[in-house]
Structures are given as C-alpha cells and as structure tokens.
C-alpha cells in the first residue's frame, strides 16, 4: 500500500474531507490530493510524519509503505 493510499484510507475512515485534513495539518488541499492519487512520488518525510500524527497512523507504517521504502530508504 502506498503512502497516498494509506492516507486516503485513514482520512475517509475518520470521515474527514481533504479540506478538513488540510486545515488540521497545514498541508495544502491540492498537495494532499496529489499525494492520495499517488501523483506525488517523493513526499517529504516531514509532511508524511505530520499527516501520520494527525491521522493517528503509527509512524512505523512509514517504513512499510511502498513509496517511502523505495524512494527514501531503498
């Protein structure tokens, strides 16, 4: 599962819109949309960490996601 897929899944599970997640994280709605659609291939760890914390996703999942493992740690 990519970072974008995981973020979209958790956002929808919480019943939040992209606008709500954007307000809670300070990440632009357009950036979130690109990320969720896997059009942003190298998201910064800082932004991913912020999203994971707000969405209450364990940070260990960063290492498990396809995008991060391949692009930042592989």
Protein backbone atom coordinates (compact mmCIF):
# COMPACT_ATOMS: atom_id res chain seq x y z
CA UNK A 1 0.00 0.00 0.00
CA UNK A 2 1.38 3.41 -0.90
CA UNK A 3 1.54 6.37 1.45
CA UNK A 4 -1.22 8.04 -0.55
CA UNK A 5 -3.50 5.01 -0.30
CA UNK A 6 -2.93 4.79 3.45
CA UNK A 7 -3.60 8.50 3.98
CA UNK A 8 -6.79 8.37 1.90
CA UNK A 9 -8.00 5.26 3.74
CA UNK A 10 -7.43 6.75 7.20
CA UNK A 11 -8.88 10.14 6.21
CA UNK A 12 -12.05 8.54 4.91
CA UNK A 13 -12.24 6.21 7.89
CA UNK A 14 -12.34 9.30 10.11
CA UNK A 15 -14.98 10.87 7.85
CA UNK A 16 -12.79 13.87 7.03
CA UNK A 17 -12.72 15.77 3.76
CA UNK A 18 -9.49 16.86 2.11
CA UNK A 19 -10.26 20.39 3.32
CA UNK A 20 -10.58 19.21 6.91
CA UNK A 21 -7.31 17.29 6.74
CA UNK A 22 -5.65 20.30 5.15
CA UNK A 23 -6.79 22.59 7.98
CA UNK A 24 -5.64 20.11 10.64
CA UNK A 25 -2.20 19.57 9.10
CA UNK A 26 -1.36 22.82 7.34
CA UNK A 27 -0.73 20.84 4.13
CA UNK A 28 -2.46 22.29 1.08
CA UNK A 29 -5.55 20.54 -0.24
CA UNK A 30 -4.02 20.27 -3.70
CA UNK A 31 -0.86 18.63 -2.34
CA UNK A 32 -2.99 16.16 -0.35
CA UNK A 33 -4.99 15.36 -3.47
CA UNK A 34 -1.82 14.67 -5.48
CA UNK A 35 -0.48 12.55 -2.64
CA UNK A 36 -3.67 10.49 -2.28
CA UNK A 37 -3.81 9.87 -6.04
CA UNK A 38 -0.16 8.75 -5.97
CA UNK A 39 0.83 11.56 -8.32
CA UNK A 40 3.33 12.89 -5.79
CA UNK A 41 6.05 10.25 -5.78
CA UNK A 42 8.57 11.68 -3.31
CA UNK A 43 6.67 13.31 -0.44
CA UNK A 44 8.86 14.82 2.23
CA UNK A 45 9.22 12.85 5.42
CA UNK A 46 8.28 15.98 7.38
CA UNK A 47 4.88 16.23 5.69
CA UNK A 48 4.25 12.49 5.83
CA UNK A 49 5.08 12.46 9.54
CA UNK A 50 2.71 15.39 10.17
CA UNK A 51 -0.09 13.60 8.30
CA UNK A 52 0.51 10.32 10.11
CA UNK A 53 0.44 12.03 13.51
CA UNK A 54 -2.81 13.89 12.77
CA UNK A 55 -4.41 10.77 11.28
CA UNK A 56 -3.14 8.66 14.19
CA UNK A 57 -1.26 6.27 11.90
CA UNK A 58 1.66 4.55 13.65
CA UNK A 59 4.89 6.06 12.35
CA UNK A 60 6.23 2.55 11.79
CA UNK A 61 3.87 2.38 8.80
CA UNK A 62 6.14 4.88 7.02
CA UNK A 63 8.70 2.12 6.64
CA UNK A 64 6.07 -0.30 5.36
CA UNK A 65 4.67 1.94 2.63
CA UNK A 66 5.82 1.30 -0.93
CA UNK A 67 6.61 4.94 -1.79
CA UNK A 68 8.75 5.72 1.22
CA UNK A 69 10.67 2.45 1.30
CA UNK A 70 11.53 2.71 -2.37
CA UNK A 71 12.23 6.43 -2.59
CA UNK A 72 13.69 7.37 0.77
CA UNK A 73 15.13 4.26 2.33
CA UNK A 74 15.80 1.86 -0.53
